[in-house]
Amino acid sequence: MTEKPAGTAIDDVLAEYSGLESQMSDPTLHDDPATARRVGKRFAELAPVMTTHTRLNIARDDLEAARELAADDPSFAAEIPELEATVARLDAALTDLLAPRDPHDGDDMVLEIKSGEGGEESALFAADLARMYLKYCERHGFAAQMLGVTESDLGGYKDATLSIKARAGSTEGVWGRMKFEGGVHRVQRVPVTESQGRIHTSAAGVLAYPEPDAVEQVAIDETDLRIDVYRSSGKGGQGVNTTDSAVRITHLPTNIVVTCQNERSQLQNKARAMQVLAARLQALAEEEADAEAAEGRAAQIRTVDRSERIRTYNFPENRITDHRIGYKSHNLDAVLDGDLDALLDALTAADRQARLEAQ
């Protein structure tokens, strides 16, 4: 008979789920919206574990009953192989769900895209990456917002900051799906600035941060901040270039600089910039507290250099290659149009396998 998964892990989940149910049935929970969001989010995260656990127990009971019946009447033995397969499948699924997970998988996220080696062509590619992520979010119902952009002379992006949030009520966390995007992205193509038709190689960098539910979760001393306001630039409709609504926040101890210019008012831009700053400081604190996290985060992007690539986008061959897992496909045009699912599925599967092997 198939062995049950480690009792302690599932027992802990059952106890936590029961506690969350009690909290959610308490009318006073919603007096504190932040706590209500946190409890509801965790309850939704545990729902797949509970569903799989219940189905596994039912399948085990059915299998045990079939074996008992088959002992008296061999005709019932025909059901046993299918029930054994169901138990094995659900047992494996539950083991996977109970495997160690990134605690931020259910979080929203911030993406920063920066041009690097390659000049104007790198900036144009950075803009292509930003559009790719926006199209992917549109496909999945994620709410993506461009918080700030510095454009190049040809309309590329020297840098861009995106905030990406899961749709309301969704159990799919943005970070769990898109966290693998952090790193150096290399492009091989004929730039628009190339008159001889030669293929050039350049790179852009992507920094990925999980976004805390609230700025208050991260300790930020107001005296450590320098806040500058300036006039928004670029496309943005009414109000752009007419008021000093854009905000730049510098965190003096770390020299982290965050800008936001796409909200309607200075107060809104400051609030969004503070959220991005909180995300970056949270990531920095976790790096310093955990050597493995520091190593992994540093691997995202040390310098925007072609040699430190995680992925290559080859236009002449319509090919995309992710060097971390050896993934390769010839649908670059579709990927740049937001069809990232096959690639992200492969990265998620590799990550899941690594977690299972580490148990």
Protein backbone atom coordinates (compact mmCIF):
# COMPACT_ATOMS: atom_id res chain seq x y z
CA MET A 1 0.00 0.00 0.00
CA THR A 2 1.23 3.53 -0.82
CA GLU A 3 2.91 5.24 2.11
CA LYS A 4 1.36 8.40 3.48
CA PRO A 5 3.38 11.62 3.21
CA ALA A 6 5.22 12.84 6.27
CA GLY A 7 2.61 13.23 8.97
CA THR A 8 4.10 16.30 10.61
CA ALA A 9 3.88 18.42 7.46
CA ILE A 10 0.24 17.61 6.70
CA ASP A 11 -0.70 17.81 10.38
CA ASP A 12 0.77 21.32 10.52
CA VAL A 13 -1.22 22.33 7.44
CA LEU A 14 -4.44 20.87 8.83
CA ALA A 15 -3.96 22.77 12.09
CA GLU A 16 -3.16 26.02 10.29
CA TYR A 17 -6.12 25.64 7.93
CA SER A 18 -8.47 25.02 10.85
CA GLY A 19 -7.15 28.11 12.59
CA LEU A 20 -7.64 30.22 9.45
CA GLU A 21 -11.21 28.94 9.09
CA SER A 22 -11.93 30.10 12.64
CA GLN A 23 -10.43 33.51 11.93
CA MET A 24 -12.42 33.94 8.72
CA SER A 25 -15.67 33.10 10.53
CA ASP A 26 -15.00 35.88 13.03
CA PRO A 27 -16.84 39.06 11.88
CA THR A 28 -14.27 41.28 13.60
CA LEU A 29 -11.55 40.07 11.22
CA HIS A 30 -12.68 42.56 8.60
CA ASP A 31 -12.21 45.45 10.99
CA ASP A 32 -8.56 45.18 9.98
CA PRO A 33 -8.46 45.02 6.14
CA ALA A 34 -4.73 44.23 6.04
CA THR A 35 -5.12 41.24 8.36
CA ALA A 36 -8.22 40.10 6.47
CA ARG A 37 -6.28 40.17 3.19
CA ARG A 38 -3.41 38.23 4.71
CA VAL A 39 -5.68 35.57 6.23
CA GLY A 40 -7.73 35.24 3.05
CA LYS A 41 -4.62 34.96 0.93
CA ARG A 42 -3.10 32.22 3.10
CA PHE A 43 -6.44 30.37 3.24
CA ALA A 44 -6.55 30.36 -0.58
CA GLU A 45 -2.94 29.14 -0.76
CA LEU A 46 -3.72 26.14 1.46
CA ALA A 47 -6.95 25.23 -0.36
CA PRO A 48 -5.22 23.02 -3.00
CA VAL A 49 -3.43 21.10 -0.23
CA MET A 50 -6.69 20.48 1.61
CA THR A 51 -8.51 19.43 -1.56
CA THR A 52 -5.76 16.97 -2.54
CA HIS A 53 -5.53 15.61 1.01
CA THR A 54 -9.30 14.96 1.11
CA ARG A 55 -9.30 13.27 -2.29
CA LEU A 56 -6.33 11.12 -1.27
CA ASN A 57 -8.07 9.94 1.91
CA ILE A 58 -11.20 9.05 -0.07
CA ALA A 59 -9.12 7.16 -2.65
CA ARG A 60 -7.30 5.27 0.10
CA ASP A 61 -10.59 4.30 1.73
CA ASP A 62 -11.96 3.13 -1.63
CA LEU A 63 -8.82 1.09 -2.26
CA GLU A 64 -8.97 -0.54 1.16
CA ALA A 65 -12.66 -1.39 0.65
CA ALA A 66 -11.97 -2.85 -2.80
CA ARG A 67 -9.21 -5.06 -1.41
CA GLU A 68 -11.48 -6.32 1.37
CA LEU A 69 -14.27 -7.07 -1.13
CA ALA A 70 -11.85 -8.76 -3.52
CA ALA A 71 -10.78 -11.13 -0.75
CA ASP A 72 -14.33 -12.53 -0.74
CA ASP A 73 -15.27 -11.90 -4.37
CA PRO A 74 -12.42 -11.85 -6.96
CA SER A 75 -14.58 -9.86 -9.39
CA PHE A 76 -13.87 -6.74 -7.32
CA ALA A 77 -10.13 -7.14 -7.98
CA ALA A 78 -10.53 -5.45 -11.37
CA GLU A 79 -11.01 -2.07 -9.63
CA ILE A 80 -7.82 -2.31 -7.60
CA PRO A 81 -5.19 -1.30 -10.23
CA GLU A 82 -7.05 1.89 -11.15
CA LEU A 83 -7.54 2.80 -7.49
CA GLU A 84 -3.85 2.13 -6.77
CA ALA A 85 -2.89 4.42 -9.64
CA THR A 86 -5.21 7.14 -8.29
CA VAL A 87 -3.73 6.86 -4.80
CA ALA A 88 -0.18 7.02 -6.18
CA ARG A 89 -1.02 10.08 -8.31
CA LEU A 90 -2.70 11.96 -5.46
CA ASP A 91 0.06 10.97 -3.03
CA ALA A 92 2.69 12.39 -5.39
CA ALA A 93 0.63 15.55 -5.86
CA LEU A 94 0.29 16.04 -2.10
CA THR A 95 4.01 15.44 -1.58
CA ASP A 96 4.71 18.12 -4.19
CA LEU A 97 2.30 20.57 -2.54
CA LEU A 98 3.95 19.98 0.84
CA ALA A 99 7.48 20.44 -0.52
CA PRO A 100 9.37 23.53 0.72
CA ARG A 101 8.22 26.61 -1.14
CA ASP A 102 9.32 30.16 -1.60
CA PRO A 103 7.29 32.05 1.02
CA HIS A 104 6.76 34.86 -1.49
CA ASP A 105 5.16 32.69 -4.19
CA GLY A 106 1.73 34.19 -3.52
CA ASP A 107 3.01 37.79 -3.58
CA ASP A 108 2.69 40.50 -6.17
CA MET A 109 5.93 41.76 -7.68
CA VAL A 110 7.98 44.60 -9.08
CA LEU A 111 10.06 44.29 -12.24
CA GLU A 112 12.81 46.74 -13.13
CA ILE A 113 14.14 46.58 -16.67
CA LYS A 114 17.41 48.33 -17.48
CA SER A 115 19.30 48.76 -20.72
CA GLY A 116 22.93 47.76 -20.63
CA GLU A 117 25.71 46.84 -23.00
CA GLY A 118 24.73 47.74 -26.55
CA GLY A 119 23.69 51.39 -26.30
CA GLU A 120 20.56 52.37 -28.20
CA GLU A 121 19.91 48.80 -29.35
CA SER A 122 19.92 47.65 -25.71
CA ALA A 123 17.37 50.34 -24.83
CA LEU A 124 15.13 49.24 -27.72
CA PHE A 125 15.38 45.64 -26.52
CA ALA A 126 14.55 46.71 -22.95
CA ALA A 127 11.36 48.26 -24.35
CA ASP A 128 10.61 44.97 -26.16
CA LEU A 129 10.96 43.09 -22.85
CA ALA A 130 8.63 45.52 -21.09
CA ARG A 131 5.99 45.06 -23.81
CA MET A 132 6.44 41.27 -23.60
CA TYR A 133 5.69 41.31 -19.88
CA LEU A 134 2.72 43.64 -20.33
CA LYS A 135 1.25 41.33 -22.97
CA TYR A 136 1.84 38.28 -20.77
CA CYS A 137 0.04 39.98 -17.88
CA GLU A 138 -2.84 40.88 -20.16
CA ARG A 139 -3.18 37.21 -21.17
CA HIS A 140 -3.31 36.08 -17.52
CA GLY A 141 -5.43 38.82 -16.07
CA PHE A 142 -2.61 40.26 -14.00
CA ALA A 143 -2.85 44.00 -13.34
CA ALA A 144 0.37 45.50 -14.72
CA GLN A 145 1.18 49.16 -14.28
CA MET A 146 4.15 51.08 -15.63
CA LEU A 147 5.34 53.18 -12.71
CA GLY A 148 8.12 55.02 -14.46
CA VAL A 149 10.10 55.06 -17.70
CA THR A 150 13.22 56.82 -18.92
CA GLU A 151 13.16 56.76 -22.71
CA SER A 152 16.11 56.76 -25.09
CA ASP A 153 16.38 58.95 -28.18
CA LEU A 154 14.85 56.28 -30.44
CA GLY A 155 11.99 55.41 -28.10
CA GLY A 156 13.68 52.58 -26.25
CA TYR A 157 13.80 52.30 -22.46
CA LYS A 158 16.92 53.19 -20.54
CA ASP A 159 15.01 51.90 -17.53
CA ALA A 160 11.41 51.02 -16.71
CA THR A 161 9.63 49.91 -13.54
CA LEU A 162 6.52 47.70 -13.63
CA SER A 163 4.20 46.80 -10.77
CA ILE A 164 2.38 43.50 -11.36
CA LYS A 165 -0.52 42.34 -9.19
CA ALA A 166 -2.68 39.22 -9.27
CA ARG A 167 -6.35 39.59 -10.14
CA ALA A 168 -8.72 39.81 -7.19
CA GLY A 169 -9.63 36.41 -5.77
CA SER A 170 -6.94 34.59 -7.73
CA THR A 171 -4.95 31.82 -6.05
CA GLU A 172 -2.13 32.24 -8.59
CA GLY A 173 0.61 34.44 -7.18
CA VAL A 174 2.51 36.69 -9.57
CA TRP A 175 5.88 36.07 -7.89
CA GLY A 176 5.49 32.30 -8.00
CA ARG A 177 4.89 32.53 -11.73
CA MET A 178 7.31 35.24 -12.86
CA LYS A 179 10.17 35.22 -10.34
CA PHE A 180 12.48 33.45 -12.81
CA GLU A 181 12.67 36.56 -15.01
CA GLY A 182 15.38 38.21 -12.92
CA GLY A 183 18.72 38.22 -14.72
CA VAL A 184 20.51 39.32 -17.88
CA HIS A 185 18.62 38.88 -21.14
CA ARG A 186 20.73 38.79 -24.30
CA VAL A 187 19.46 39.68 -27.79
CA GLN A 188 20.99 38.82 -31.16
CA ARG A 189 19.53 40.70 -34.13
CA VAL A 190 20.17 43.35 -36.76
CA PRO A 191 19.62 46.69 -35.00
CA VAL A 192 17.59 49.44 -36.65
CA THR A 193 20.74 51.56 -36.41
CA GLU A 194 22.80 49.02 -38.43
CA SER A 195 23.20 50.03 -42.07
CA GLN A 196 25.26 46.99 -43.17
CA GLY A 197 22.77 44.35 -42.08
CA ARG A 198 25.13 42.85 -39.50
CA ILE A 199 23.81 40.94 -36.48
CA HIS A 200 24.70 42.58 -33.18
CA THR A 201 24.58 41.20 -29.64
CA SER A 202 23.47 43.36 -26.75
CA ALA A 203 21.84 42.86 -23.37
CA ALA A 204 19.26 44.24 -20.97
CA GLY A 205 18.86 43.43 -17.29
CA VAL A 206 15.74 42.53 -15.34
CA LEU A 207 15.51 42.82 -11.55
CA ALA A 208 12.59 41.05 -9.88
CA TYR A 209 11.31 41.73 -6.36
CA PRO A 210 8.33 40.31 -4.44
CA GLU A 211 6.14 43.18 -3.28
CA PRO A 212 5.04 43.20 0.38
CA ASP A 213 1.31 43.50 1.05
CA ALA A 214 1.87 46.79 2.83
CA VAL A 215 4.71 49.29 3.14
CA GLU A 216 4.34 49.01 6.92
CA GLN A 217 5.71 45.46 6.77
CA VAL A 218 9.15 46.93 6.05
CA ALA A 219 10.81 49.27 8.54
CA ILE A 220 11.62 52.52 6.73
CA ASP A 221 12.91 55.52 8.66
CA GLU A 222 11.63 58.73 7.05
CA THR A 223 14.85 60.50 8.06
CA ASP A 224 16.74 58.09 5.77
CA LEU A 225 14.86 59.35 2.71
CA ARG A 226 15.54 62.16 0.28
CA ILE A 227 12.40 62.92 -1.71
CA ASP A 228 12.59 64.99 -4.87
CA VAL A 229 9.69 66.05 -7.08
CA TYR A 230 10.00 66.95 -10.73
CA ARG A 231 7.99 67.32 -13.87
CA SER A 232 6.85 64.09 -15.49
CA SER A 233 8.17 63.39 -18.97
CA GLY A 234 7.13 61.18 -21.85
CA LYS A 235 3.70 60.02 -22.91
CA GLY A 236 1.11 60.17 -20.20
CA GLY A 237 -1.89 62.28 -21.21
CA GLN A 238 -3.14 65.36 -19.46
CA GLY A 239 -1.03 66.67 -16.62
CA VAL A 240 2.29 65.43 -17.99
CA ASN A 241 4.89 68.21 -18.31
CA THR A 242 2.57 70.68 -16.55
CA THR A 243 2.98 69.87 -12.85
CA ASP A 244 5.76 68.67 -10.59
CA SER A 245 3.98 65.38 -9.85
CA ALA A 246 6.78 62.86 -10.49
CA VAL A 247 8.58 61.62 -7.38
CA ARG A 248 12.11 60.34 -6.87
CA ILE A 249 12.95 58.73 -3.52
CA THR A 250 16.55 58.04 -2.51
CA HIS A 251 17.16 55.73 0.43
CA LEU A 252 20.35 57.26 1.76
CA PRO A 253 21.77 54.27 3.74
CA THR A 254 21.61 51.97 0.70
CA ASN A 255 21.61 54.56 -2.11
CA ILE A 256 18.58 52.81 -3.64
CA VAL A 257 16.74 55.22 -5.95
CA VAL A 258 13.08 54.72 -6.89
CA THR A 259 11.01 56.91 -9.19
CA CYS A 260 7.33 57.00 -10.06
CA GLN A 261 5.68 59.40 -12.49
CA ASN A 262 2.63 57.69 -13.96
CA GLU A 263 0.07 58.31 -11.22
CA ARG A 264 -2.19 61.37 -11.38
CA SER A 265 -0.86 63.18 -8.34
CA GLN A 266 2.34 63.69 -6.42
CA LEU A 267 0.86 61.91 -3.38
CA GLN A 268 -0.09 58.87 -5.46
CA ASN A 269 3.34 58.76 -7.06
CA LYS A 270 4.98 58.97 -3.64
CA ALA A 271 2.81 56.13 -2.32
CA ARG A 272 3.68 53.85 -5.25
CA ALA A 273 7.37 54.76 -5.04
CA MET A 274 7.31 53.84 -1.35
CA GLN A 275 5.83 50.44 -2.23
CA VAL A 276 8.63 49.79 -4.70
CA LEU A 277 11.23 50.96 -2.16
CA ALA A 278 9.72 48.61 0.44
CA ALA A 279 9.98 45.71 -2.03
CA ARG A 280 13.64 46.46 -2.72
CA LEU A 281 14.51 46.87 0.96
CA GLN A 282 12.70 43.65 1.82
CA ALA A 283 14.70 41.79 -0.82
CA LEU A 284 17.93 43.37 0.40
CA ALA A 285 17.20 42.39 4.02
CA GLU A 286 16.51 38.81 2.98
CA GLU A 287 19.75 38.69 1.01
CA GLU A 288 21.72 39.78 4.04
CA ALA A 289 19.88 37.34 6.34
CA ASP A 290 20.20 34.30 4.11
CA ALA A 291 23.44 33.45 2.32
CA GLU A 292 21.69 31.22 -0.20
CA ALA A 293 19.17 33.92 -1.02
CA ALA A 294 22.00 36.40 -1.40
CA GLU A 295 23.78 34.12 -3.83
CA GLY A 296 20.63 33.53 -5.85
CA ARG A 297 19.64 37.18 -5.95
CA ALA A 298 23.14 38.31 -6.88
CA ALA A 299 22.98 35.87 -9.75
CA GLN A 300 20.03 37.79 -11.18
CA ILE A 301 22.21 40.60 -12.41
CA ARG A 302 25.59 41.79 -11.22
CA THR A 303 26.32 43.85 -14.29
CA VAL A 304 24.25 44.06 -17.43
CA ASP A 305 26.90 42.14 -19.32
CA ARG A 306 26.31 39.69 -22.15
CA SER A 307 28.45 37.01 -20.49
CA GLU A 308 26.10 36.75 -17.50
CA ARG A 309 23.02 35.91 -19.51
CA ILE A 310 20.15 33.75 -18.33
CA ARG A 311 18.38 33.82 -21.68
CA THR A 312 19.11 34.57 -25.34
CA TYR A 313 16.64 35.95 -27.87
CA ASN A 314 17.93 35.12 -31.37
CA PHE A 315 15.87 36.95 -33.99
CA PRO A 316 17.44 35.52 -37.20
CA GLU A 317 16.55 31.97 -36.04
CA ASN A 318 13.31 32.99 -34.24
CA ARG A 319 14.81 31.12 -31.29
CA ILE A 320 14.66 31.63 -27.53
CA THR A 321 17.04 29.79 -25.21
CA ASP A 322 16.98 29.72 -21.42
CA HIS A 323 20.50 28.75 -20.38
CA ARG A 324 19.61 27.79 -16.79
CA ILE A 325 17.59 24.72 -17.79
CA GLY A 326 18.66 24.17 -21.41
CA TYR A 327 15.23 25.18 -22.71
CA LYS A 328 15.06 26.02 -26.42
CA SER A 329 12.19 26.78 -28.79
CA HIS A 330 11.72 28.46 -32.14
CA ASN A 331 8.75 30.67 -31.35
CA LEU A 332 10.47 33.89 -30.36
CA ASP A 333 7.85 35.97 -32.15
CA ALA A 334 5.09 34.39 -30.04
CA VAL A 335 7.10 34.77 -26.82
CA LEU A 336 7.63 38.49 -27.44
CA ASP A 337 3.88 38.71 -27.99
CA GLY A 338 3.38 37.47 -24.42
CA ASP A 339 3.21 33.70 -24.96
CA LEU A 340 5.59 32.80 -22.13
CA ASP A 341 3.65 29.88 -20.68
CA ALA A 342 5.71 26.99 -22.09
CA LEU A 343 8.94 28.63 -20.94
CA LEU A 344 7.65 29.50 -17.47
CA ASP A 345 6.14 26.02 -17.12
CA ALA A 346 9.55 24.50 -17.83
CA LEU A 347 11.25 26.78 -15.30
CA THR A 348 8.58 26.00 -12.69
CA ALA A 349 8.94 22.26 -13.29
CA ALA A 350 12.73 22.47 -12.91
CA ASP A 351 12.33 24.44 -9.70
CA ARG A 352 9.80 21.91 -8.37
CA GLN A 353 12.14 19.02 -9.14
CA ALA A 354 15.00 20.77 -7.36
CA ARG A 355 12.81 21.28 -4.29
CA LEU A 356 11.74 17.64 -4.24
CA GLU A 357 15.34 16.46 -4.55
CA ALA A 358 16.34 18.76 -1.69
CA GLN A 359 13.84 17.16 0.71
